[in-house]
N, C-alpha and C. Protein backbone atom coordinates (compact mmCIF):
# COMPACT_ATOMS: atom_id res chain seq x y z
N VAL A 1 -28.09 23.94 -26.72
CA VAL A 1 -26.66 23.91 -26.96
C VAL A 1 -26.35 23.04 -28.16
N GLY A 2 -27.13 22.02 -28.41
CA GLY A 2 -26.90 21.21 -29.59
C GLY A 2 -26.48 19.80 -29.25
N ASN A 3 -26.19 19.05 -30.27
CA ASN A 3 -25.76 17.66 -30.13
C ASN A 3 -24.38 17.61 -29.47
N ILE A 4 -24.20 16.69 -28.53
CA ILE A 4 -22.93 16.59 -27.80
C ILE A 4 -21.77 16.31 -28.75
N ALA A 5 -22.02 15.55 -29.79
CA ALA A 5 -20.95 15.21 -30.72
C ALA A 5 -20.44 16.42 -31.48
N THR A 6 -21.25 17.49 -31.59
CA THR A 6 -20.83 18.66 -32.34
C THR A 6 -20.56 19.86 -31.45
N MET A 7 -20.45 19.67 -30.16
CA MET A 7 -20.21 20.78 -29.25
C MET A 7 -18.77 21.26 -29.40
N ASN A 8 -18.60 22.58 -29.37
CA ASN A 8 -17.24 23.12 -29.41
C ASN A 8 -16.79 23.44 -27.99
N MET A 9 -15.57 23.90 -27.85
CA MET A 9 -15.00 24.17 -26.53
C MET A 9 -15.78 25.22 -25.77
N ASP A 10 -16.30 26.26 -26.45
CA ASP A 10 -17.07 27.30 -25.77
C ASP A 10 -18.36 26.75 -25.20
N ASP A 11 -19.03 25.85 -25.96
CA ASP A 11 -20.26 25.23 -25.47
C ASP A 11 -19.99 24.41 -24.21
N ILE A 12 -18.92 23.64 -24.24
CA ILE A 12 -18.57 22.80 -23.09
C ILE A 12 -18.21 23.67 -21.89
N ALA A 13 -17.47 24.74 -22.12
CA ALA A 13 -17.08 25.64 -21.02
C ALA A 13 -18.30 26.30 -20.40
N SER A 14 -19.28 26.71 -21.21
CA SER A 14 -20.48 27.35 -20.65
C SER A 14 -21.32 26.35 -19.87
N LEU A 15 -21.38 25.10 -20.33
CA LEU A 15 -22.10 24.07 -19.57
C LEU A 15 -21.43 23.81 -18.23
N CYS A 16 -20.11 23.73 -18.22
CA CYS A 16 -19.37 23.49 -16.98
C CYS A 16 -19.54 24.65 -16.01
N ALA A 17 -19.55 25.87 -16.53
CA ALA A 17 -19.71 27.05 -15.66
C ALA A 17 -21.09 27.07 -15.02
N ALA A 18 -22.09 26.51 -15.70
CA ALA A 18 -23.45 26.52 -15.17
C ALA A 18 -23.67 25.43 -14.12
N MET A 19 -22.79 24.46 -14.06
CA MET A 19 -22.96 23.37 -13.10
C MET A 19 -22.51 23.79 -11.71
N SER A 20 -23.19 23.25 -10.70
CA SER A 20 -22.83 23.57 -9.33
C SER A 20 -23.02 22.34 -8.46
N LEU A 21 -21.98 21.90 -7.82
CA LEU A 21 -22.09 20.78 -6.89
C LEU A 21 -22.89 21.17 -5.66
N LYS A 22 -22.82 22.44 -5.29
CA LYS A 22 -23.54 22.89 -4.10
C LYS A 22 -25.03 22.69 -4.26
N GLU A 23 -25.56 22.96 -5.45
CA GLU A 23 -26.99 22.80 -5.69
C GLU A 23 -27.40 21.34 -5.60
N LEU A 24 -26.54 20.43 -6.08
CA LEU A 24 -26.88 19.02 -6.12
C LEU A 24 -26.68 18.32 -4.79
N GLU A 25 -25.68 18.71 -4.04
CA GLU A 25 -25.30 17.97 -2.84
C GLU A 25 -25.61 18.70 -1.54
N GLY A 26 -26.16 19.86 -1.60
CA GLY A 26 -26.51 20.57 -0.38
C GLY A 26 -25.34 21.38 0.15
N LEU A 27 -25.34 21.60 1.46
CA LEU A 27 -24.31 22.42 2.09
C LEU A 27 -22.93 21.79 1.97
N VAL A 28 -21.93 22.63 1.82
CA VAL A 28 -20.55 22.18 1.78
C VAL A 28 -19.94 22.45 3.15
N HIS A 29 -19.38 21.42 3.76
CA HIS A 29 -18.77 21.55 5.09
C HIS A 29 -17.27 21.36 4.95
N LYS A 30 -16.52 22.22 5.61
CA LYS A 30 -15.06 22.09 5.60
C LYS A 30 -14.63 21.14 6.71
N LEU A 31 -13.60 20.35 6.41
CA LEU A 31 -13.05 19.43 7.41
C LEU A 31 -12.24 20.21 8.44
N GLU A 32 -12.29 19.75 9.66
CA GLU A 32 -11.46 20.35 10.70
C GLU A 32 -10.00 20.02 10.41
N GLY A 33 -9.10 20.91 10.82
CA GLY A 33 -7.67 20.73 10.55
C GLY A 33 -7.10 19.45 11.12
N ASP A 34 -7.61 18.99 12.26
CA ASP A 34 -7.08 17.79 12.90
C ASP A 34 -7.44 16.51 12.15
N LEU A 35 -8.52 16.53 11.36
CA LEU A 35 -8.95 15.31 10.68
C LEU A 35 -7.91 14.82 9.69
N LYS A 36 -7.29 15.74 8.96
CA LYS A 36 -6.26 15.33 7.99
C LYS A 36 -5.05 14.75 8.70
N SER A 37 -4.59 15.41 9.76
CA SER A 37 -3.41 14.90 10.47
C SER A 37 -3.72 13.57 11.15
N ASP A 38 -4.95 13.38 11.65
CA ASP A 38 -5.33 12.09 12.23
C ASP A 38 -5.30 10.99 11.17
N GLY A 39 -5.80 11.30 9.97
CA GLY A 39 -5.78 10.33 8.88
C GLY A 39 -4.37 9.97 8.47
N GLU A 40 -3.49 10.97 8.39
CA GLU A 40 -2.09 10.71 8.04
C GLU A 40 -1.40 9.85 9.09
N ARG A 41 -1.71 10.11 10.36
CA ARG A 41 -1.13 9.32 11.45
C ARG A 41 -1.59 7.86 11.36
N LYS A 42 -2.88 7.66 11.11
CA LYS A 42 -3.40 6.29 11.00
C LYS A 42 -2.80 5.57 9.80
N LEU A 43 -2.62 6.28 8.68
CA LEU A 43 -2.00 5.65 7.50
C LEU A 43 -0.56 5.25 7.78
N SER A 44 0.15 6.05 8.60
CA SER A 44 1.54 5.72 8.90
C SER A 44 1.65 4.45 9.74
N LEU A 45 0.54 4.01 10.32
CA LEU A 45 0.52 2.79 11.13
C LEU A 45 -0.01 1.58 10.35
N CYS A 46 -0.25 1.75 9.05
CA CYS A 46 -0.81 0.67 8.23
C CYS A 46 0.19 0.19 7.19
N LEU A 47 0.11 -1.09 6.91
CA LEU A 47 0.84 -1.68 5.79
C LEU A 47 -0.17 -2.47 4.97
N VAL A 48 -0.03 -2.39 3.67
CA VAL A 48 -0.83 -3.21 2.77
C VAL A 48 0.06 -4.35 2.32
N PHE A 49 -0.49 -5.53 2.24
CA PHE A 49 0.33 -6.63 1.77
C PHE A 49 -0.48 -7.55 0.88
N LYS A 50 0.25 -8.23 0.03
CA LYS A 50 -0.35 -9.19 -0.88
C LYS A 50 0.45 -10.48 -0.79
N VAL A 51 -0.26 -11.58 -0.68
CA VAL A 51 0.37 -12.89 -0.71
C VAL A 51 0.39 -13.33 -2.17
N LEU A 52 1.59 -13.49 -2.72
CA LEU A 52 1.73 -13.88 -4.12
C LEU A 52 1.54 -15.39 -4.24
N ALA A 53 0.28 -15.80 -4.23
CA ALA A 53 -0.06 -17.22 -4.24
C ALA A 53 -1.00 -17.52 -5.41
N ASN A 54 -0.98 -18.77 -5.81
CA ASN A 54 -1.87 -19.19 -6.88
C ASN A 54 -3.09 -19.93 -6.33
N LYS A 55 -3.38 -19.70 -5.05
CA LYS A 55 -4.55 -20.32 -4.43
C LYS A 55 -5.12 -19.36 -3.38
N MET A 56 -6.31 -19.68 -2.89
CA MET A 56 -6.95 -18.87 -1.86
C MET A 56 -6.15 -18.95 -0.56
N ILE A 57 -6.20 -17.86 0.22
CA ILE A 57 -5.50 -17.79 1.50
C ILE A 57 -6.53 -17.94 2.61
N ASN A 58 -6.29 -18.87 3.54
CA ASN A 58 -7.17 -19.05 4.68
C ASN A 58 -6.89 -17.95 5.69
N ARG A 59 -7.85 -17.06 5.87
CA ARG A 59 -7.66 -15.88 6.72
C ARG A 59 -7.33 -16.25 8.16
N GLU A 60 -8.02 -17.25 8.73
CA GLU A 60 -7.78 -17.62 10.13
C GLU A 60 -6.40 -18.22 10.33
N VAL A 61 -5.97 -19.08 9.43
CA VAL A 61 -4.62 -19.65 9.52
C VAL A 61 -3.60 -18.54 9.39
N PHE A 62 -3.84 -17.64 8.46
CA PHE A 62 -2.93 -16.52 8.25
C PHE A 62 -2.84 -15.67 9.51
N ARG A 63 -3.97 -15.40 10.14
CA ARG A 63 -4.00 -14.60 11.37
C ARG A 63 -3.19 -15.28 12.47
N ARG A 64 -3.30 -16.59 12.60
CA ARG A 64 -2.54 -17.32 13.62
C ARG A 64 -1.04 -17.24 13.37
N VAL A 65 -0.66 -17.29 12.10
CA VAL A 65 0.76 -17.16 11.75
C VAL A 65 1.25 -15.77 12.13
N LEU A 66 0.41 -14.75 11.92
CA LEU A 66 0.80 -13.38 12.26
C LEU A 66 1.07 -13.22 13.75
N LEU A 67 0.38 -13.99 14.57
CA LEU A 67 0.61 -13.90 16.02
C LEU A 67 2.03 -14.32 16.39
N LYS A 68 2.66 -15.12 15.54
CA LYS A 68 4.02 -15.56 15.82
C LYS A 68 5.05 -14.46 15.57
N ILE A 69 4.66 -13.44 14.80
CA ILE A 69 5.54 -12.28 14.61
C ILE A 69 5.42 -11.47 15.89
N ARG A 70 6.48 -11.34 16.61
CA ARG A 70 6.41 -10.73 17.94
C ARG A 70 6.14 -9.23 17.86
N ILE A 71 4.89 -8.88 17.70
CA ILE A 71 4.44 -7.49 17.69
C ILE A 71 3.93 -7.18 19.09
N ARG A 72 4.12 -5.95 19.53
CA ARG A 72 3.76 -5.58 20.90
C ARG A 72 2.28 -5.73 21.21
N GLU A 73 1.44 -5.43 20.24
CA GLU A 73 0.00 -5.48 20.47
C GLU A 73 -0.65 -6.26 19.33
N SER A 74 -1.92 -6.65 19.52
CA SER A 74 -2.60 -7.40 18.47
C SER A 74 -2.74 -6.55 17.22
N ILE A 75 -2.76 -7.21 16.07
CA ILE A 75 -2.82 -6.51 14.79
C ILE A 75 -4.15 -6.81 14.12
N PRO A 76 -5.02 -5.82 14.01
CA PRO A 76 -6.22 -6.06 13.20
C PRO A 76 -5.82 -6.24 11.73
N VAL A 77 -6.34 -7.28 11.11
CA VAL A 77 -6.07 -7.56 9.71
C VAL A 77 -7.37 -7.38 8.94
N GLU A 78 -7.33 -6.53 7.94
CA GLU A 78 -8.51 -6.28 7.11
C GLU A 78 -8.32 -6.95 5.76
N VAL A 79 -9.31 -7.70 5.33
CA VAL A 79 -9.26 -8.33 4.01
C VAL A 79 -9.74 -7.32 2.99
N VAL A 80 -8.88 -6.99 2.03
CA VAL A 80 -9.22 -6.04 0.97
C VAL A 80 -9.75 -6.79 -0.23
N SER A 81 -9.09 -7.87 -0.59
CA SER A 81 -9.54 -8.73 -1.68
C SER A 81 -9.02 -10.14 -1.39
N GLU A 82 -9.13 -11.02 -2.35
CA GLU A 82 -8.78 -12.43 -2.15
C GLU A 82 -7.38 -12.63 -1.57
N LYS A 83 -6.40 -11.84 -2.03
CA LYS A 83 -5.02 -12.02 -1.57
C LYS A 83 -4.40 -10.73 -1.06
N ASN A 84 -5.19 -9.66 -0.94
CA ASN A 84 -4.69 -8.38 -0.43
C ASN A 84 -5.28 -8.13 0.95
N PHE A 85 -4.41 -7.69 1.86
CA PHE A 85 -4.81 -7.45 3.24
C PHE A 85 -4.16 -6.16 3.73
N THR A 86 -4.66 -5.63 4.84
CA THR A 86 -3.99 -4.51 5.50
C THR A 86 -3.75 -4.87 6.96
N PHE A 87 -2.59 -4.46 7.46
CA PHE A 87 -2.26 -4.52 8.88
C PHE A 87 -2.57 -3.15 9.46
N HIS A 88 -3.15 -3.10 10.64
CA HIS A 88 -3.38 -1.84 11.35
C HIS A 88 -2.64 -1.92 12.68
N PHE A 89 -1.46 -1.33 12.73
CA PHE A 89 -0.62 -1.39 13.92
C PHE A 89 -1.03 -0.32 14.93
N GLN A 90 -0.57 -0.48 16.17
CA GLN A 90 -0.89 0.45 17.24
C GLN A 90 0.23 1.45 17.51
N ASN A 91 1.47 1.12 17.13
CA ASN A 91 2.58 2.05 17.35
C ASN A 91 3.49 2.04 16.13
N ILE A 92 4.26 3.10 15.97
CA ILE A 92 5.06 3.32 14.76
C ILE A 92 6.24 2.35 14.62
N GLU A 93 6.72 1.79 15.74
CA GLU A 93 7.87 0.89 15.66
C GLU A 93 7.53 -0.43 14.98
N ASP A 94 6.32 -0.93 15.18
CA ASP A 94 5.96 -2.24 14.64
C ASP A 94 5.94 -2.30 13.11
N PRO A 95 5.31 -1.36 12.40
CA PRO A 95 5.39 -1.46 10.93
C PRO A 95 6.82 -1.32 10.41
N ARG A 96 7.64 -0.50 11.07
CA ARG A 96 9.04 -0.36 10.65
C ARG A 96 9.78 -1.68 10.82
N ARG A 97 9.52 -2.34 11.95
CA ARG A 97 10.18 -3.62 12.22
C ARG A 97 9.74 -4.68 11.21
N VAL A 98 8.46 -4.69 10.87
CA VAL A 98 7.97 -5.66 9.89
C VAL A 98 8.58 -5.39 8.52
N LEU A 99 8.65 -4.11 8.12
CA LEU A 99 9.23 -3.77 6.81
C LEU A 99 10.70 -4.15 6.71
N THR A 100 11.46 -3.89 7.77
CA THR A 100 12.89 -4.18 7.73
C THR A 100 13.22 -5.63 8.03
N GLY A 101 12.26 -6.37 8.59
CA GLY A 101 12.52 -7.76 8.99
C GLY A 101 12.27 -8.78 7.90
N GLY A 102 11.88 -8.34 6.73
CA GLY A 102 11.51 -9.27 5.65
C GLY A 102 12.71 -9.85 4.95
N PRO A 103 12.53 -10.58 3.92
CA PRO A 103 11.25 -10.83 3.26
C PRO A 103 10.40 -11.82 4.06
N TRP A 104 9.08 -11.69 3.91
CA TRP A 104 8.13 -12.52 4.63
C TRP A 104 7.48 -13.50 3.65
N SER A 105 7.06 -14.62 4.19
CA SER A 105 6.34 -15.59 3.37
C SER A 105 5.25 -16.25 4.20
N PHE A 106 4.29 -16.80 3.51
CA PHE A 106 3.21 -17.56 4.14
C PHE A 106 2.96 -18.79 3.27
N ASP A 107 3.09 -19.97 3.87
CA ASP A 107 2.86 -21.22 3.15
C ASP A 107 3.75 -21.30 1.90
N ASN A 108 4.98 -20.81 2.04
CA ASN A 108 5.99 -20.77 0.96
C ASN A 108 5.64 -19.81 -0.17
N PHE A 109 4.74 -18.87 0.07
CA PHE A 109 4.42 -17.83 -0.91
C PHE A 109 4.94 -16.49 -0.39
N LEU A 110 5.54 -15.71 -1.26
CA LEU A 110 6.10 -14.42 -0.89
C LEU A 110 4.99 -13.45 -0.50
N ILE A 111 5.23 -12.68 0.56
CA ILE A 111 4.34 -11.59 0.97
C ILE A 111 5.03 -10.29 0.61
N VAL A 112 4.38 -9.47 -0.20
CA VAL A 112 4.92 -8.17 -0.60
C VAL A 112 4.21 -7.11 0.22
N LEU A 113 5.00 -6.27 0.90
CA LEU A 113 4.46 -5.22 1.79
C LEU A 113 4.64 -3.85 1.16
N ILE A 114 3.63 -2.99 1.33
CA ILE A 114 3.69 -1.62 0.82
C ILE A 114 3.18 -0.68 1.91
N GLU A 115 3.87 0.44 2.09
CA GLU A 115 3.39 1.48 2.99
C GLU A 115 2.32 2.30 2.27
N LEU A 116 1.27 2.67 2.98
CA LEU A 116 0.21 3.49 2.39
C LEU A 116 0.66 4.94 2.34
N ASN A 117 0.26 5.64 1.27
CA ASN A 117 0.59 7.07 1.17
C ASN A 117 -0.64 7.93 1.04
N GLY A 118 -1.83 7.34 1.09
CA GLY A 118 -3.06 8.12 1.04
C GLY A 118 -3.60 8.35 -0.35
N LYS A 119 -2.93 7.87 -1.37
CA LYS A 119 -3.38 8.08 -2.75
C LYS A 119 -3.68 6.74 -3.40
N GLY A 120 -4.70 6.72 -4.22
CA GLY A 120 -5.00 5.54 -5.01
C GLY A 120 -5.85 4.52 -4.28
N ASP A 121 -6.11 3.44 -4.96
CA ASP A 121 -6.94 2.35 -4.46
C ASP A 121 -6.04 1.14 -4.22
N ILE A 122 -6.20 0.51 -3.08
CA ILE A 122 -5.37 -0.64 -2.73
C ILE A 122 -5.45 -1.72 -3.80
N ARG A 123 -6.63 -1.91 -4.37
CA ARG A 123 -6.80 -2.96 -5.38
C ARG A 123 -5.97 -2.70 -6.64
N ASN A 124 -5.59 -1.43 -6.86
CA ASN A 124 -4.82 -1.08 -8.05
C ASN A 124 -3.33 -0.88 -7.78
N MET A 125 -2.90 -1.15 -6.54
CA MET A 125 -1.49 -0.99 -6.21
C MET A 125 -0.65 -2.06 -6.90
N SER A 126 0.57 -1.70 -7.20
CA SER A 126 1.48 -2.62 -7.87
C SER A 126 2.37 -3.30 -6.83
N PHE A 127 2.20 -4.57 -6.66
CA PHE A 127 2.98 -5.35 -5.69
C PHE A 127 4.10 -6.06 -6.44
N ASN A 128 5.03 -5.26 -6.99
CA ASN A 128 6.06 -5.84 -7.85
C ASN A 128 7.48 -5.66 -7.32
N ARG A 129 7.63 -5.28 -6.05
CA ARG A 129 8.97 -5.11 -5.48
C ARG A 129 9.02 -5.71 -4.08
N ALA A 130 10.13 -6.40 -3.81
CA ALA A 130 10.37 -6.94 -2.47
C ALA A 130 11.87 -6.88 -2.22
N THR A 131 12.24 -6.65 -0.98
CA THR A 131 13.65 -6.57 -0.60
C THR A 131 14.11 -7.96 -0.15
N PHE A 132 15.26 -8.36 -0.63
CA PHE A 132 15.83 -9.66 -0.26
C PHE A 132 17.25 -9.48 0.22
N TRP A 133 17.66 -10.35 1.12
CA TRP A 133 19.06 -10.46 1.50
C TRP A 133 19.66 -11.51 0.59
N VAL A 134 20.76 -11.17 -0.06
CA VAL A 134 21.43 -12.11 -0.95
C VAL A 134 22.84 -12.31 -0.42
N GLN A 135 23.25 -13.55 -0.31
CA GLN A 135 24.60 -13.86 0.17
C GLN A 135 25.37 -14.51 -0.98
N ILE A 136 26.51 -13.92 -1.30
CA ILE A 136 27.36 -14.43 -2.38
C ILE A 136 28.66 -14.91 -1.76
N HIS A 137 29.04 -16.13 -2.06
CA HIS A 137 30.24 -16.73 -1.48
C HIS A 137 31.42 -16.63 -2.45
N ASN A 138 32.62 -16.69 -1.89
CA ASN A 138 33.87 -16.71 -2.66
C ASN A 138 34.04 -15.47 -3.54
N VAL A 139 33.71 -14.32 -2.99
CA VAL A 139 33.88 -13.06 -3.72
C VAL A 139 35.21 -12.45 -3.25
N SER A 140 35.98 -11.94 -4.19
CA SER A 140 37.26 -11.34 -3.80
C SER A 140 37.01 -10.07 -3.00
N LEU A 141 37.95 -9.73 -2.15
CA LEU A 141 37.82 -8.54 -1.31
C LEU A 141 37.63 -7.28 -2.14
N LEU A 142 38.22 -7.24 -3.31
CA LEU A 142 38.11 -6.10 -4.20
C LEU A 142 36.66 -5.83 -4.61
N CYS A 143 35.86 -6.89 -4.66
CA CYS A 143 34.47 -6.76 -5.11
C CYS A 143 33.49 -6.55 -3.95
N MET A 144 33.96 -6.51 -2.72
CA MET A 144 33.06 -6.35 -1.58
C MET A 144 32.81 -4.87 -1.32
N MET A 145 32.09 -4.27 -2.24
CA MET A 145 31.74 -2.84 -2.13
C MET A 145 30.24 -2.70 -2.35
N LYS A 146 29.68 -1.69 -1.74
CA LYS A 146 28.24 -1.46 -1.83
C LYS A 146 27.79 -1.31 -3.29
N ARG A 147 28.55 -0.56 -4.08
CA ARG A 147 28.16 -0.33 -5.48
C ARG A 147 28.13 -1.63 -6.28
N ILE A 148 29.08 -2.51 -6.02
CA ILE A 148 29.09 -3.79 -6.73
C ILE A 148 27.91 -4.65 -6.26
N GLY A 149 27.61 -4.60 -4.98
CA GLY A 149 26.43 -5.31 -4.47
C GLY A 149 25.14 -4.80 -5.09
N GLN A 150 25.02 -3.47 -5.23
CA GLN A 150 23.84 -2.90 -5.87
C GLN A 150 23.76 -3.31 -7.33
N PHE A 151 24.92 -3.33 -8.00
CA PHE A 151 24.95 -3.76 -9.40
C PHE A 151 24.47 -5.20 -9.53
N LEU A 152 25.01 -6.09 -8.68
CA LEU A 152 24.61 -7.49 -8.74
C LEU A 152 23.13 -7.66 -8.40
N GLY A 153 22.66 -6.88 -7.46
CA GLY A 153 21.25 -6.96 -7.09
C GLY A 153 20.31 -6.46 -8.15
N SER A 154 20.79 -5.60 -9.03
CA SER A 154 19.93 -5.06 -10.09
C SER A 154 19.83 -6.00 -11.29
N LEU A 155 20.65 -7.06 -11.30
CA LEU A 155 20.62 -7.99 -12.45
C LEU A 155 19.39 -8.85 -12.46
């Protein structure tokens, strides 16, 4: 075919057509239909979180703090990286309650929570958004509207 640096599109297309994953990897097996739905169900029970800290997080201390969050059942916590973790809940109400009950912190560091969607790598997720309750005092009644609140929150 020639030097790779001088290959044209037809040469590359013919090489790709000649390749076969089946020959290299053996038999191809199809997944059962239930496996995908089971995976989606398990993902719906998981939250990924990152502690925005400038120091290492003690996993055992963190786990003890998690026990204080009144969840119905114990929460397995998986360490993904130095400051990234996953919660594995047992029922659908608990992750919803954790998401809506924030913002959360640990040792005065913000915890950013993300729902898993099945795509990408946890290590590459962007933990750049958190929901906060903001209370503004002495606002005129005229300004107490959702749109004005959203405007102020976007600043």
